[in-house]
Amino acid sequence: MENFEYQAGTKVLFGKDQISKLPEIVKKYGSKILLCYGGGSIKRIGIYDDINHLLEGCELYELANIAPNPKIESVEAGVKICREHNIDVILAATGSEYDAGAVISNTATNEKLGYDSEYVRPKVSILNPEYTYSVSAKQTAAGSIDIISHLLEQYFAPHNTYMADQLLTASLRTAIHYAPVAVKEPENYEARGQLMWLSSLACNGILSTGCQYGGWSCHGIEHELSAFYDVTHGIGLAIITPRWMRYILSKNPATASRFAQYGIDVFGISAELDTNEIADKAIDATENFFMTLGSPMSLSELGIGTEHFDEMAEHAVEANWLSYAYVPLDKNDVKEILNMCI
């Protein structure tokens, strides 16, 4: 087991009506508030009005129209507002509600880069599954696939502990159980709640403490797709993940035992079968599950060709530590995986 330091300094308020506690939370930090949000669903479902009512008497400033793949321009605009108005609190709808990570895209340079900093770890997060009822089936599927990918990136690491394997396996089974329910029944509170909490746990590192860190291969490759084509992150991961699995299994046959264990523990494939057969079935099961959620499963379905693959492959390796991944990848490996995705 590796040495580690772990701190989750975020207070989480989970469940219905927790938004009512917002005034007492905010007053600990100040009264000048920057409200950040995306395309407008915050207004359609009433959260915007609730916040304005609850924070009556505070100075509210707004940064709207933040893209699903957030752009550097939004960051710069937010910085400008914070400096000009001495903002005390940033109140944001975000996918990093319980971790210290962020991912920003720069369309001018075709880059989508992640980073970690304690400066962006939230002090308090209010998680109400009801707020996700309005999320479309497509985005629910994409978000669920992203959760699964976060778990898989930790499961397929250079070295895992027994405890991490058990936690990650249970989390994967939970995601696979509840994602189809949330897609079909958007107002199923239990399904939305399980996925919302699992999303936080899949991001904040607690599930793989003590494990050896490796580069996140599928995320690293997908970030290149998003940088060049602004692909929905989860859709890109659905396309890449089964191809990455098949490629590294072929490149390093010793990984068959790990894929077989994954297939047995997560999908219930019979342990009586040959190891290589179980491994193949596990990859097929992963791909088929993504398909049942309605995700596109090839780049050609998204109108993406091979014209940027060389550049994408080189940058993916440079920017994402892929030489330290579960099976190390170079730019030729990444290009081959991308070609498999066509």
Protein backbone atom coordinates (compact mmCIF):
# COMPACT_ATOMS: atom_id res chain seq x y z
CA MET A 1 0.00 0.00 0.00
CA GLU A 2 1.40 3.37 -1.03
CA ASN A 3 1.87 6.37 1.27
CA PHE A 4 -0.83 8.99 0.84
CA GLU A 5 -2.18 12.26 2.14
CA TYR A 6 -5.94 12.69 1.99
CA GLN A 7 -8.14 15.63 2.94
CA ALA A 8 -11.72 16.30 1.94
CA GLY A 9 -12.41 19.70 3.40
CA THR A 10 -15.88 20.14 1.91
CA LYS A 11 -19.02 20.14 4.02
CA VAL A 12 -21.73 18.30 2.09
CA LEU A 13 -25.45 18.97 2.57
CA PHE A 14 -27.27 16.22 0.69
CA GLY A 15 -30.97 15.92 -0.02
CA LYS A 16 -34.20 17.81 -0.43
CA ASP A 17 -34.61 21.41 0.78
CA GLN A 18 -30.96 21.77 1.81
CA ILE A 19 -30.87 24.97 -0.26
CA SER A 20 -32.73 26.63 2.63
CA LYS A 21 -29.45 26.66 4.56
CA LEU A 22 -27.73 28.79 1.92
CA PRO A 23 -28.06 32.15 3.77
CA GLU A 24 -26.38 30.88 6.94
CA ILE A 25 -23.62 29.26 4.89
CA VAL A 26 -22.91 32.36 2.81
CA LYS A 27 -22.82 34.85 5.68
CA LYS A 28 -19.77 33.09 7.13
CA TYR A 29 -17.78 34.24 4.12
CA GLY A 30 -19.27 37.56 2.99
CA SER A 31 -22.08 39.21 1.06
CA LYS A 32 -20.62 39.79 -2.42
CA ILE A 33 -21.52 36.73 -4.45
CA LEU A 34 -20.72 35.62 -7.99
CA LEU A 35 -23.40 33.28 -9.31
CA CYS A 36 -22.06 31.01 -12.07
CA TYR A 37 -24.30 28.90 -14.28
CA GLY A 38 -24.71 27.46 -17.76
CA GLY A 39 -27.35 27.66 -20.43
CA GLY A 40 -30.41 28.56 -18.42
CA SER A 41 -31.90 25.39 -16.87
CA ILE A 42 -31.20 26.98 -13.50
CA LYS A 43 -33.96 29.46 -14.37
CA ARG A 44 -36.37 26.96 -15.91
CA ILE A 45 -36.47 24.73 -12.85
CA GLY A 46 -36.65 27.53 -10.31
CA ILE A 47 -33.25 27.39 -8.59
CA TYR A 48 -32.34 30.84 -9.85
CA ASP A 49 -35.41 32.41 -8.25
CA ASP A 50 -34.86 30.45 -5.02
CA ILE A 51 -31.28 31.69 -4.74
CA ASN A 52 -32.23 35.30 -5.39
CA HIS A 53 -34.92 35.09 -2.74
CA LEU A 54 -32.69 33.38 -0.17
CA LEU A 55 -29.83 35.81 -0.74
CA GLU A 56 -31.92 38.96 -0.71
CA GLY A 57 -29.77 41.73 0.72
CA CYS A 58 -26.53 40.32 -0.72
CA GLU A 59 -24.76 41.82 -3.73
CA LEU A 60 -25.25 39.31 -6.54
CA TYR A 61 -23.18 39.28 -9.73
CA GLU A 62 -23.60 36.77 -12.55
CA LEU A 63 -21.47 34.77 -14.94
CA ALA A 64 -23.86 32.96 -17.27
CA ASN A 65 -23.64 30.71 -20.35
CA ILE A 66 -20.73 28.60 -19.10
CA ALA A 67 -20.29 25.78 -21.65
CA PRO A 68 -20.49 22.06 -20.77
CA ASN A 69 -16.79 21.91 -21.65
CA PRO A 70 -15.91 25.16 -19.79
CA LYS A 71 -13.78 27.58 -21.79
CA ILE A 72 -10.86 29.73 -20.68
CA GLU A 73 -12.86 32.82 -21.68
CA SER A 74 -15.38 32.08 -18.90
CA VAL A 75 -12.57 31.73 -16.39
CA GLU A 76 -11.09 35.06 -17.47
CA ALA A 77 -14.50 36.75 -17.28
CA GLY A 78 -15.02 35.35 -13.79
CA VAL A 79 -11.62 36.55 -12.64
CA LYS A 80 -12.42 40.02 -13.95
CA ILE A 81 -15.70 40.17 -12.01
CA CYS A 82 -14.07 38.90 -8.82
CA ARG A 83 -11.32 41.52 -9.00
CA GLU A 84 -13.55 44.43 -9.92
CA HIS A 85 -16.14 43.76 -7.21
CA ASN A 86 -14.05 42.10 -4.48
CA ILE A 87 -16.20 38.96 -4.59
CA ASP A 88 -16.42 36.98 -1.34
CA VAL A 89 -18.24 33.85 -2.52
CA ILE A 90 -18.46 31.97 -5.82
CA LEU A 91 -21.73 30.04 -5.99
CA ALA A 92 -21.47 27.58 -8.89
CA ALA A 93 -23.31 24.72 -10.47
CA THR A 94 -20.42 22.34 -11.11
CA GLY A 95 -19.30 18.77 -11.56
CA SER A 96 -16.50 19.17 -9.02
CA GLU A 97 -18.61 19.59 -5.91
CA TYR A 98 -16.45 17.43 -3.64
CA ASP A 99 -12.93 17.58 -5.06
CA ALA A 100 -10.13 19.96 -5.96
CA GLY A 101 -10.04 19.38 -9.69
CA ALA A 102 -11.08 21.30 -12.77
CA VAL A 103 -10.81 20.94 -16.54
CA ILE A 104 -10.67 23.96 -18.86
CA SER A 105 -10.70 24.15 -22.67
CA ASN A 106 -8.80 26.64 -24.82
CA THR A 107 -10.25 26.60 -28.33
CA ALA A 108 -7.52 28.89 -29.64
CA THR A 109 -4.87 26.24 -28.93
CA ASN A 110 -7.07 23.12 -29.19
CA GLU A 111 -6.26 22.20 -25.59
CA LYS A 112 -8.41 20.74 -22.82
CA LEU A 113 -6.35 20.45 -19.66
CA GLY A 114 -7.09 19.36 -16.12
CA TYR A 115 -5.48 20.53 -12.92
CA ASP A 116 -5.81 20.09 -9.16
CA SER A 117 -5.59 22.84 -6.59
CA GLU A 118 -6.87 23.20 -3.05
CA TYR A 119 -7.87 26.74 -4.03
CA VAL A 120 -10.78 25.35 -6.06
CA ARG A 121 -12.02 22.84 -3.50
CA PRO A 122 -15.50 23.96 -2.38
CA LYS A 123 -16.03 24.87 1.26
CA VAL A 124 -19.65 23.71 1.14
CA SER A 125 -21.66 21.73 -1.41
CA ILE A 126 -25.44 21.47 -1.56
CA LEU A 127 -26.49 18.33 -3.42
CA ASN A 128 -30.18 17.93 -4.19
CA PRO A 129 -31.02 15.07 -6.58
CA GLU A 130 -34.23 16.87 -7.55
CA TYR A 131 -32.14 19.49 -9.33
CA THR A 132 -31.04 16.83 -11.83
CA TYR A 133 -34.59 15.87 -12.88
CA SER A 134 -34.40 18.25 -15.84
CA VAL A 135 -31.19 16.72 -17.21
CA SER A 136 -31.95 15.13 -20.59
CA ALA A 137 -31.67 11.41 -21.22
CA LYS A 138 -28.65 12.04 -23.45
CA GLN A 139 -26.81 14.07 -20.82
CA THR A 140 -27.83 11.65 -18.06
CA ALA A 141 -26.31 8.83 -20.08
CA ALA A 142 -23.17 10.85 -20.79
CA GLY A 143 -22.79 11.81 -17.13
CA SER A 144 -23.27 8.22 -16.02
CA ILE A 145 -20.63 7.04 -18.49
CA ASP A 146 -18.25 9.67 -17.14
CA ILE A 147 -18.82 8.37 -13.61
CA ILE A 148 -18.10 4.83 -14.79
CA SER A 149 -14.99 6.03 -16.60
CA HIS A 150 -13.69 7.72 -13.45
CA LEU A 151 -14.11 4.44 -11.63
CA LEU A 152 -12.49 2.41 -14.41
CA GLU A 153 -9.49 4.75 -14.59
CA GLN A 154 -8.90 4.00 -10.89
CA TYR A 155 -9.66 0.28 -11.21
CA PHE A 156 -7.19 -0.18 -14.08
CA ALA A 157 -4.23 1.38 -12.29
CA PRO A 158 -0.61 0.18 -12.10
CA HIS A 159 -1.24 -1.16 -8.58
CA ASN A 160 -4.41 -1.39 -6.52
CA THR A 161 -5.16 -2.47 -2.96
CA TYR A 162 -7.73 -5.08 -1.99
CA MET A 163 -9.88 -2.42 -0.34
CA ALA A 164 -9.78 -0.18 -3.40
CA ASP A 165 -10.87 -3.08 -5.59
CA GLN A 166 -13.88 -3.75 -3.38
CA LEU A 167 -14.90 -0.09 -3.22
CA LEU A 168 -14.49 0.45 -6.94
CA THR A 169 -16.29 -2.77 -7.85
CA ALA A 170 -19.28 -1.87 -5.66
CA SER A 171 -19.32 1.63 -7.12
CA LEU A 172 -19.26 0.31 -10.70
CA ARG A 173 -22.15 -2.04 -9.96
CA THR A 174 -24.08 0.86 -8.44
CA ALA A 175 -23.58 3.03 -11.52
CA ILE A 176 -24.55 0.19 -13.87
CA HIS A 177 -27.68 -0.50 -11.80
CA TYR A 178 -28.97 3.06 -11.52
CA ALA A 179 -27.91 4.72 -14.79
CA PRO A 180 -30.58 3.01 -16.93
CA VAL A 181 -33.21 3.85 -14.31
CA ALA A 182 -32.30 7.54 -14.35
CA VAL A 183 -32.31 7.61 -18.17
CA LYS A 184 -35.79 6.04 -18.35
CA GLU A 185 -37.27 7.63 -15.22
CA PRO A 186 -35.78 11.13 -14.95
CA GLU A 187 -37.67 11.92 -11.73
CA ASN A 188 -36.70 8.75 -9.88
CA TYR A 189 -35.24 10.31 -6.73
CA GLU A 190 -33.37 7.19 -5.59
CA ALA A 191 -31.62 6.73 -8.94
CA ARG A 192 -30.73 10.42 -9.22
CA GLY A 193 -29.51 10.48 -5.62
CA GLN A 194 -27.34 7.39 -5.94
CA LEU A 195 -25.72 8.74 -9.11
CA MET A 196 -25.24 12.23 -7.65
CA TRP A 197 -23.42 10.94 -4.58
CA LEU A 198 -21.46 8.40 -6.61
CA SER A 199 -20.35 11.18 -8.96
CA SER A 200 -18.74 12.97 -6.02
CA LEU A 201 -17.05 9.85 -4.65
CA ALA A 202 -15.74 8.88 -8.09
CA CYS A 203 -13.92 12.23 -8.36
CA ASN A 204 -12.37 12.94 -4.99
CA GLY A 205 -9.79 10.18 -4.67
CA ILE A 206 -11.20 8.41 -1.62
CA LEU A 207 -11.91 5.19 -3.52
CA SER A 208 -8.26 4.64 -4.47
CA THR A 209 -6.26 5.94 -1.52
CA GLY A 210 -3.08 3.94 -1.06
CA CYS A 211 -2.97 2.86 -4.69
CA GLN A 212 -0.23 3.67 -7.17
CA TYR A 213 -1.30 6.53 -9.41
CA GLY A 214 -1.22 6.09 -13.16
CA GLY A 215 -2.15 8.29 -16.09
CA TRP A 216 -5.87 8.22 -16.92
CA SER A 217 -5.67 6.88 -20.46
CA CYS A 218 -9.27 7.22 -21.65
CA HIS A 219 -9.67 10.68 -20.14
CA GLY A 220 -6.39 11.82 -21.63
CA ILE A 221 -7.41 10.67 -25.11
CA GLU A 222 -10.94 12.03 -24.81
CA HIS A 223 -9.72 15.46 -23.74
CA GLU A 224 -8.13 15.71 -27.18
CA LEU A 225 -11.48 14.97 -28.83
CA SER A 226 -13.18 17.62 -26.73
CA ALA A 227 -10.40 20.12 -27.43
CA PHE A 228 -10.67 19.76 -31.20
CA TYR A 229 -14.37 18.97 -31.63
CA ASP A 230 -16.12 20.05 -28.39
CA VAL A 231 -17.48 16.53 -27.98
CA THR A 232 -19.72 15.75 -25.00
CA HIS A 233 -17.20 14.29 -22.58
CA GLY A 234 -19.14 11.16 -21.61
CA ILE A 235 -19.94 10.33 -25.23
CA GLY A 236 -16.28 10.54 -26.15
CA LEU A 237 -15.44 8.23 -23.25
CA ALA A 238 -18.07 5.70 -24.35
CA ILE A 239 -16.45 5.52 -27.77
CA ILE A 240 -12.85 5.36 -26.55
CA THR A 241 -13.11 3.06 -23.53
CA PRO A 242 -13.93 -0.30 -25.21
CA ARG A 243 -11.30 0.36 -27.90
CA TRP A 244 -8.70 1.20 -25.26
CA MET A 245 -9.59 -2.01 -23.44
CA ARG A 246 -9.23 -4.15 -26.55
CA TYR A 247 -6.00 -2.44 -27.55
CA ILE A 248 -4.19 -2.86 -24.23
CA LEU A 249 -5.42 -6.45 -23.90
CA SER A 250 -3.87 -7.17 -27.30
CA LYS A 251 -0.69 -5.20 -26.50
CA ASN A 252 -0.20 -6.82 -23.12
CA PRO A 253 -1.95 -10.21 -22.82
CA ALA A 254 -1.03 -10.30 -19.12
CA THR A 255 -3.87 -7.83 -18.54
CA ALA A 256 -6.37 -10.61 -19.30
CA SER A 257 -6.50 -11.64 -15.65
CA ARG A 258 -7.42 -8.10 -14.57
CA PHE A 259 -10.12 -7.80 -17.23
CA ALA A 260 -11.42 -11.23 -16.23
CA GLN A 261 -11.66 -10.20 -12.58
CA TYR A 262 -13.50 -7.07 -13.65
CA GLY A 263 -15.93 -9.14 -15.71
CA ILE A 264 -16.59 -11.57 -12.88
CA ASP A 265 -17.00 -8.99 -10.14
CA VAL A 266 -18.87 -6.27 -12.04
CA PHE A 267 -20.90 -8.09 -14.70
CA GLY A 268 -21.25 -11.51 -13.05
CA ILE A 269 -19.55 -13.43 -15.87
CA SER A 270 -18.94 -17.06 -14.93
CA ALA A 271 -15.53 -17.69 -13.38
CA GLU A 272 -15.61 -21.19 -14.87
CA LEU A 273 -14.78 -19.86 -18.33
CA ASP A 274 -11.28 -19.43 -19.75
CA THR A 275 -9.55 -16.26 -18.55
CA ASN A 276 -9.21 -14.80 -22.05
CA GLU A 277 -12.86 -15.54 -22.82
CA ILE A 278 -13.97 -13.80 -19.65
CA ALA A 279 -11.78 -10.81 -20.50
CA ASP A 280 -13.34 -10.54 -23.97
CA LYS A 281 -16.84 -10.87 -22.55
CA ALA A 282 -16.11 -8.16 -19.98
CA ILE A 283 -15.12 -5.71 -22.71
CA ASP A 284 -18.16 -6.65 -24.77
CA ALA A 285 -20.37 -6.12 -21.72
CA THR A 286 -18.90 -2.66 -21.16
CA GLU A 287 -19.50 -1.65 -24.77
CA ASN A 288 -23.02 -3.11 -24.81
CA PHE A 289 -23.92 -1.27 -21.61
CA PHE A 290 -22.91 2.07 -23.12
CA MET A 291 -24.99 1.22 -26.18
CA THR A 292 -28.06 0.46 -24.04
CA LEU A 293 -27.82 3.98 -22.61
CA GLY A 294 -28.17 5.33 -26.15
CA SER A 295 -24.63 6.59 -26.62
CA PRO A 296 -23.05 6.86 -30.10
CA MET A 297 -20.27 4.30 -30.30
CA SER A 298 -18.05 5.57 -33.12
CA LEU A 299 -16.38 8.80 -34.12
CA SER A 300 -17.89 8.57 -37.60
CA GLU A 301 -21.34 8.91 -36.01
CA LEU A 302 -20.15 12.30 -34.70
CA GLY A 303 -18.76 13.34 -38.09
CA ILE A 304 -15.15 13.11 -36.88
CA GLY A 305 -12.39 11.93 -39.21
CA THR A 306 -8.70 11.16 -38.87
CA GLU A 307 -7.27 14.54 -39.92
CA HIS A 308 -6.03 15.60 -36.46
CA PHE A 309 -5.06 12.20 -35.05
CA ASP A 310 -1.29 12.75 -35.20
CA GLU A 311 -1.50 16.02 -33.30
CA MET A 312 -4.06 14.67 -30.86
CA ALA A 313 -2.03 11.56 -30.11
CA GLU A 314 1.20 13.46 -29.46
CA HIS A 315 -0.46 15.97 -27.15
CA ALA A 316 -2.43 13.30 -25.27
CA VAL A 317 0.80 11.59 -24.26
CA GLU A 318 2.60 14.82 -23.37
CA ALA A 319 -0.20 16.34 -21.29
CA ASN A 320 -1.70 13.33 -19.51
CA TRP A 321 1.11 11.15 -18.13
CA LEU A 322 0.11 8.25 -20.37
CA SER A 323 3.60 6.76 -20.14
CA TYR A 324 2.69 5.99 -16.49
CA ALA A 325 -0.70 4.44 -17.26
CA TYR A 326 -1.83 0.90 -16.40
CA VAL A 327 -0.41 -0.10 -19.77
CA PRO A 328 1.92 2.73 -20.84
CA LEU A 329 0.99 4.38 -24.13
CA ASP A 330 3.03 6.35 -26.63
CA LYS A 331 1.70 8.49 -29.47
CA ASN A 332 1.57 5.55 -31.89
CA ASP A 333 -0.56 3.61 -29.41
CA VAL A 334 -2.95 6.53 -28.98
CA LYS A 335 -3.25 7.02 -32.72
CA GLU A 336 -4.08 3.36 -33.18
CA ILE A 337 -6.77 3.56 -30.49
CA LEU A 338 -8.26 6.60 -32.20
CA ASN A 339 -8.27 4.77 -35.52
CA MET A 340 -10.14 1.92 -33.87
CA CYS A 341 -12.80 4.43 -32.81
CA ILE A 342 -13.68 5.42 -36.40
